[in-house]
Amino acid sequence: MVDDGYLKAGVAPSYYLEGLLYNVPNENFGGSYCHPFVNALNWILHDAKKEDLICANEQYYLLQDNSPVCWSPANAERFLAATVNYWKTGHDRLQLLHCSARAQQQLMR
């Protein structure tokens, strides 16, 4: 997404993305390659209490301003918005997931 101009470098380091996925309930994973992506992103966007998300090490909240060990909520929202935009534009790399049209429509229910 950085290489394609959807997101600035440094906005979404991989360890924060790991933290997002760590918080997604297990029942959102499984099935095709596409469905876990859609389910996880929908859970993060619509169901997660973002102020309660924790880092994968369970030592810190994931999202907080002015903390050297937390992701700023503004950058998390930038990442989520860029991810939705990337998905909705039908980007070729995401199409490699062979997602059904129905699964693609389910994102951002």
N, C-alpha and C. Protein backbone atom coordinates (compact mmCIF):
# COMPACT_ATOMS: atom_id res chain seq x y z
N MET A 1 0.82 -1.19 0.00
CA MET A 1 0.00 0.00 0.00
C MET A 1 0.87 1.25 0.00
N VAL A 2 2.04 1.16 0.64
CA VAL A 2 2.96 2.30 0.63
C VAL A 2 3.48 2.53 -0.78
N ASP A 3 3.94 1.44 -1.42
CA ASP A 3 4.48 1.57 -2.77
C ASP A 3 3.47 2.10 -3.77
N ASP A 4 2.21 1.82 -3.54
CA ASP A 4 1.16 2.26 -4.46
C ASP A 4 0.55 3.60 -4.07
N GLY A 5 1.07 4.24 -3.02
CA GLY A 5 0.63 5.57 -2.65
C GLY A 5 -0.63 5.66 -1.80
N TYR A 6 -1.08 4.54 -1.27
CA TYR A 6 -2.27 4.55 -0.43
C TYR A 6 -1.98 4.97 1.00
N LEU A 7 -0.72 4.84 1.41
CA LEU A 7 -0.35 5.06 2.79
C LEU A 7 1.09 5.55 2.84
N LYS A 8 1.37 6.50 3.73
CA LYS A 8 2.75 6.97 3.90
C LYS A 8 3.56 5.97 4.70
N ALA A 9 4.83 5.87 4.38
CA ALA A 9 5.73 4.98 5.12
C ALA A 9 5.76 5.38 6.59
N GLY A 10 5.78 4.40 7.46
CA GLY A 10 5.86 4.64 8.90
C GLY A 10 4.53 4.78 9.61
N VAL A 11 3.45 4.87 8.89
CA VAL A 11 2.13 5.05 9.51
C VAL A 11 1.65 3.76 10.17
N ALA A 12 2.01 2.61 9.58
CA ALA A 12 1.48 1.34 10.06
C ALA A 12 2.58 0.28 10.16
N PRO A 13 3.46 0.39 11.15
CA PRO A 13 4.49 -0.63 11.32
C PRO A 13 3.87 -2.01 11.57
N SER A 14 4.56 -3.03 11.13
CA SER A 14 4.00 -4.39 11.17
C SER A 14 3.63 -4.84 12.57
N TYR A 15 4.35 -4.40 13.59
CA TYR A 15 4.01 -4.86 14.94
C TYR A 15 2.68 -4.27 15.42
N TYR A 16 2.27 -3.15 14.88
CA TYR A 16 0.95 -2.63 15.23
C TYR A 16 -0.14 -3.39 14.46
N LEU A 17 0.17 -3.77 13.23
CA LEU A 17 -0.79 -4.59 12.48
C LEU A 17 -0.97 -5.94 13.16
N GLU A 18 0.12 -6.49 13.65
CA GLU A 18 0.03 -7.73 14.43
C GLU A 18 -0.89 -7.53 15.63
N GLY A 19 -0.76 -6.39 16.29
CA GLY A 19 -1.61 -6.09 17.43
C GLY A 19 -3.08 -6.03 17.06
N LEU A 20 -3.37 -5.42 15.91
CA LEU A 20 -4.77 -5.38 15.46
C LEU A 20 -5.32 -6.79 15.30
N LEU A 21 -4.57 -7.63 14.60
CA LEU A 21 -5.04 -8.99 14.34
C LEU A 21 -5.08 -9.83 15.61
N TYR A 22 -4.21 -9.57 16.55
CA TYR A 22 -4.19 -10.30 17.81
C TYR A 22 -5.52 -10.15 18.55
N ASN A 23 -6.14 -9.02 18.41
CA ASN A 23 -7.39 -8.73 19.11
C ASN A 23 -8.64 -9.30 18.43
N VAL A 24 -8.54 -9.68 17.18
CA VAL A 24 -9.70 -10.19 16.45
C VAL A 24 -10.07 -11.57 17.01
N PRO A 25 -11.32 -11.77 17.38
CA PRO A 25 -11.74 -13.08 17.89
C PRO A 25 -11.49 -14.21 16.88
N ASN A 26 -11.12 -15.36 17.39
CA ASN A 26 -10.76 -16.51 16.56
C ASN A 26 -11.83 -16.92 15.56
N GLU A 27 -13.09 -16.75 15.92
CA GLU A 27 -14.15 -17.19 15.02
C GLU A 27 -14.18 -16.41 13.70
N ASN A 28 -13.43 -15.32 13.63
CA ASN A 28 -13.37 -14.55 12.39
C ASN A 28 -12.36 -15.10 11.40
N PHE A 29 -11.62 -16.11 11.79
CA PHE A 29 -10.61 -16.70 10.92
C PHE A 29 -11.07 -18.07 10.44
N GLY A 30 -10.67 -18.43 9.23
CA GLY A 30 -11.03 -19.72 8.67
C GLY A 30 -11.71 -19.55 7.34
N GLY A 31 -11.86 -20.65 6.64
CA GLY A 31 -12.48 -20.60 5.32
C GLY A 31 -11.45 -20.27 4.26
N SER A 32 -11.86 -19.52 3.27
CA SER A 32 -10.97 -19.15 2.17
C SER A 32 -9.93 -18.14 2.65
N TYR A 33 -9.05 -17.77 1.76
CA TYR A 33 -8.08 -16.73 2.10
C TYR A 33 -8.75 -15.37 2.25
N CYS A 34 -9.83 -15.19 1.55
CA CYS A 34 -10.51 -13.91 1.52
C CYS A 34 -11.35 -13.66 2.77
N HIS A 35 -12.12 -14.63 3.19
CA HIS A 35 -13.07 -14.42 4.28
C HIS A 35 -12.42 -13.97 5.59
N PRO A 36 -11.29 -14.53 6.00
CA PRO A 36 -10.68 -14.01 7.24
C PRO A 36 -10.29 -12.54 7.12
N PHE A 37 -9.84 -12.13 5.95
CA PHE A 37 -9.49 -10.72 5.75
C PHE A 37 -10.72 -9.84 5.93
N VAL A 38 -11.79 -10.20 5.24
CA VAL A 38 -13.04 -9.42 5.31
C VAL A 38 -13.59 -9.45 6.73
N ASN A 39 -13.64 -10.63 7.34
CA ASN A 39 -14.19 -10.76 8.70
C ASN A 39 -13.37 -9.97 9.71
N ALA A 40 -12.05 -10.08 9.64
CA ALA A 40 -11.19 -9.38 10.59
C ALA A 40 -11.33 -7.87 10.43
N LEU A 41 -11.29 -7.40 9.20
CA LEU A 41 -11.39 -5.96 8.98
C LEU A 41 -12.76 -5.43 9.40
N ASN A 42 -13.81 -6.16 9.09
CA ASN A 42 -15.14 -5.72 9.53
C ASN A 42 -15.22 -5.68 11.05
N TRP A 43 -14.64 -6.67 11.73
CA TRP A 43 -14.67 -6.67 13.19
C TRP A 43 -13.93 -5.45 13.73
N ILE A 44 -12.75 -5.17 13.17
CA ILE A 44 -11.97 -4.02 13.63
C ILE A 44 -12.73 -2.72 13.38
N LEU A 45 -13.32 -2.60 12.20
CA LEU A 45 -14.01 -1.36 11.83
C LEU A 45 -15.30 -1.15 12.60
N HIS A 46 -16.06 -2.22 12.84
CA HIS A 46 -17.43 -2.06 13.33
C HIS A 46 -17.69 -2.57 14.75
N ASP A 47 -16.97 -3.57 15.17
CA ASP A 47 -17.29 -4.21 16.45
C ASP A 47 -16.28 -3.97 17.56
N ALA A 48 -15.05 -3.72 17.20
CA ALA A 48 -14.00 -3.57 18.21
C ALA A 48 -14.20 -2.31 19.03
N LYS A 49 -13.95 -2.43 20.31
CA LYS A 49 -13.85 -1.25 21.17
C LYS A 49 -12.38 -0.84 21.10
N LYS A 50 -12.10 0.08 20.21
CA LYS A 50 -10.71 0.40 19.89
C LYS A 50 -9.89 0.84 21.11
N GLU A 51 -10.55 1.48 22.07
CA GLU A 51 -9.83 1.92 23.26
C GLU A 51 -9.40 0.74 24.15
N ASP A 52 -9.97 -0.44 23.91
CA ASP A 52 -9.63 -1.62 24.71
C ASP A 52 -8.65 -2.57 24.02
N LEU A 53 -8.29 -2.28 22.77
CA LEU A 53 -7.35 -3.16 22.07
C LEU A 53 -6.00 -3.15 22.77
N ILE A 54 -5.38 -4.33 22.80
CA ILE A 54 -4.07 -4.44 23.46
C ILE A 54 -3.02 -4.92 22.47
N CYS A 55 -1.76 -4.66 22.81
CA CYS A 55 -0.64 -5.17 22.02
C CYS A 55 -0.57 -6.68 22.19
N ALA A 56 0.07 -7.35 21.26
CA ALA A 56 0.17 -8.81 21.31
C ALA A 56 0.92 -9.29 22.55
N ASN A 57 1.79 -8.47 23.11
CA ASN A 57 2.51 -8.88 24.33
C ASN A 57 1.67 -8.70 25.58
N GLU A 58 0.46 -8.16 25.42
CA GLU A 58 -0.49 -7.95 26.51
C GLU A 58 0.04 -7.05 27.63
N GLN A 59 0.97 -6.20 27.31
CA GLN A 59 1.56 -5.29 28.30
C GLN A 59 1.04 -3.87 28.18
N TYR A 60 0.53 -3.51 27.01
CA TYR A 60 0.12 -2.13 26.76
C TYR A 60 -1.15 -2.11 25.92
N TYR A 61 -1.87 -1.02 26.03
CA TYR A 61 -2.96 -0.78 25.08
C TYR A 61 -2.33 -0.56 23.72
N LEU A 62 -3.03 -0.96 22.69
CA LEU A 62 -2.50 -0.82 21.33
C LEU A 62 -2.57 0.63 20.85
N LEU A 63 -3.67 1.29 21.15
CA LEU A 63 -3.91 2.64 20.62
C LEU A 63 -3.93 3.68 21.73
N GLN A 64 -2.95 4.54 21.72
CA GLN A 64 -2.89 5.67 22.65
C GLN A 64 -2.00 6.75 22.06
N ASP A 65 -2.38 7.97 22.30
CA ASP A 65 -1.54 9.09 21.88
C ASP A 65 -0.39 9.28 22.86
N ASN A 66 0.67 9.87 22.37
CA ASN A 66 1.80 10.30 23.19
C ASN A 66 2.45 9.17 23.98
N SER A 67 2.55 8.01 23.39
CA SER A 67 3.21 6.87 24.03
C SER A 67 4.22 6.27 23.06
N PRO A 68 5.44 6.03 23.51
CA PRO A 68 6.44 5.46 22.60
C PRO A 68 6.18 3.99 22.26
N VAL A 69 5.29 3.32 22.99
CA VAL A 69 5.03 1.90 22.75
C VAL A 69 3.64 1.63 22.17
N CYS A 70 2.90 2.68 21.90
CA CYS A 70 1.53 2.53 21.38
C CYS A 70 1.40 3.20 20.02
N TRP A 71 0.46 2.72 19.26
CA TRP A 71 0.14 3.27 17.95
C TRP A 71 -0.82 4.43 18.16
N SER A 72 -0.58 5.53 17.49
CA SER A 72 -1.51 6.65 17.64
C SER A 72 -2.84 6.28 16.99
N PRO A 73 -3.95 6.60 17.65
CA PRO A 73 -5.25 6.31 17.06
C PRO A 73 -5.42 6.94 15.67
N ALA A 74 -4.85 8.11 15.46
CA ALA A 74 -4.97 8.77 14.16
C ALA A 74 -4.28 7.95 13.07
N ASN A 75 -3.10 7.41 13.36
CA ASN A 75 -2.41 6.59 12.37
C ASN A 75 -3.14 5.26 12.14
N ALA A 76 -3.73 4.71 13.18
CA ALA A 76 -4.52 3.49 13.01
C ALA A 76 -5.70 3.76 12.08
N GLU A 77 -6.38 4.87 12.28
CA GLU A 77 -7.50 5.23 11.41
C GLU A 77 -7.04 5.49 9.99
N ARG A 78 -5.86 6.10 9.83
CA ARG A 78 -5.31 6.30 8.48
C ARG A 78 -5.08 4.95 7.80
N PHE A 79 -4.50 4.01 8.55
CA PHE A 79 -4.27 2.68 8.00
C PHE A 79 -5.59 2.01 7.61
N LEU A 80 -6.57 2.05 8.48
CA LEU A 80 -7.85 1.40 8.19
C LEU A 80 -8.53 2.02 6.98
N ALA A 81 -8.52 3.34 6.90
CA ALA A 81 -9.13 4.01 5.74
C ALA A 81 -8.39 3.65 4.46
N ALA A 82 -7.07 3.60 4.51
CA ALA A 82 -6.28 3.24 3.33
C ALA A 82 -6.55 1.79 2.93
N THR A 83 -6.70 0.91 3.90
CA THR A 83 -6.98 -0.49 3.61
C THR A 83 -8.33 -0.64 2.93
N VAL A 84 -9.34 0.05 3.43
CA VAL A 84 -10.66 0.01 2.81
C VAL A 84 -10.58 0.55 1.38
N ASN A 85 -9.90 1.66 1.19
CA ASN A 85 -9.76 2.24 -0.13
C ASN A 85 -9.02 1.29 -1.07
N TYR A 86 -7.97 0.68 -0.57
CA TYR A 86 -7.18 -0.28 -1.35
C TYR A 86 -8.06 -1.45 -1.79
N TRP A 87 -8.86 -1.94 -0.89
CA TRP A 87 -9.76 -3.06 -1.19
C TRP A 87 -10.83 -2.65 -2.20
N LYS A 88 -11.45 -1.51 -1.96
CA LYS A 88 -12.56 -1.08 -2.81
C LYS A 88 -12.12 -0.76 -4.24
N THR A 89 -10.86 -0.42 -4.42
CA THR A 89 -10.38 -0.15 -5.77
C THR A 89 -10.05 -1.42 -6.52
N GLY A 90 -10.24 -2.59 -5.87
CA GLY A 90 -10.00 -3.86 -6.54
C GLY A 90 -8.56 -4.08 -6.90
N HIS A 91 -7.70 -3.65 -6.04
CA HIS A 91 -6.27 -3.74 -6.33
C HIS A 91 -5.85 -5.15 -6.69
N ASP A 92 -4.99 -5.27 -7.69
CA ASP A 92 -4.59 -6.57 -8.23
C ASP A 92 -4.06 -7.53 -7.18
N ARG A 93 -3.29 -7.04 -6.23
CA ARG A 93 -2.73 -7.94 -5.22
C ARG A 93 -3.84 -8.56 -4.38
N LEU A 94 -4.86 -7.81 -4.08
CA LEU A 94 -5.99 -8.36 -3.33
C LEU A 94 -6.81 -9.30 -4.19
N GLN A 95 -6.88 -9.03 -5.47
CA GLN A 95 -7.62 -9.93 -6.35
C GLN A 95 -6.96 -11.30 -6.42
N LEU A 96 -5.68 -11.36 -6.15
CA LEU A 96 -4.99 -12.64 -6.13
C LEU A 96 -5.55 -13.56 -5.04
N LEU A 97 -6.26 -13.01 -4.10
CA LEU A 97 -6.88 -13.82 -3.06
C LEU A 97 -8.06 -14.62 -3.61
N HIS A 98 -8.45 -14.36 -4.84
CA HIS A 98 -9.57 -15.05 -5.48
C HIS A 98 -10.84 -14.91 -4.64
N CYS A 99 -11.10 -13.71 -4.22
CA CYS A 99 -12.28 -13.47 -3.40
C CYS A 99 -13.51 -13.44 -4.28
N SER A 100 -14.55 -14.00 -3.77
CA SER A 100 -15.82 -13.97 -4.49
C SER A 100 -16.36 -12.54 -4.47
N ALA A 101 -17.21 -12.25 -5.42
CA ALA A 101 -17.83 -10.92 -5.46
C ALA A 101 -18.61 -10.67 -4.18
N ARG A 102 -19.28 -11.69 -3.67
CA ARG A 102 -20.05 -11.54 -2.43
C ARG A 102 -19.14 -11.17 -1.26
N ALA A 103 -18.00 -11.85 -1.15
CA ALA A 103 -17.07 -11.55 -0.06
C ALA A 103 -16.55 -10.13 -0.20
N GLN A 104 -16.29 -9.72 -1.42
CA GLN A 104 -15.79 -8.36 -1.63
C GLN A 104 -16.84 -7.34 -1.21
N GLN A 105 -18.11 -7.63 -1.44
CA GLN A 105 -19.18 -6.72 -1.05
C GLN A 105 -19.42 -6.68 0.46
N GLN A 106 -19.06 -7.75 1.15
CA GLN A 106 -19.31 -7.82 2.58
C GLN A 106 -18.43 -6.87 3.38
N LEU A 107 -17.30 -6.48 2.81
CA LEU A 107 -16.42 -5.57 3.52
C LEU A 107 -17.13 -4.23 3.69
N MET A 108 -17.05 -3.70 4.86
CA MET A 108 -17.70 -2.44 5.21
C MET A 108 -19.20 -2.56 5.14
N ARG A 109 -19.70 -3.63 5.73
CA ARG A 109 -21.14 -3.90 5.75
C ARG A 109 -21.94 -2.72 6.23
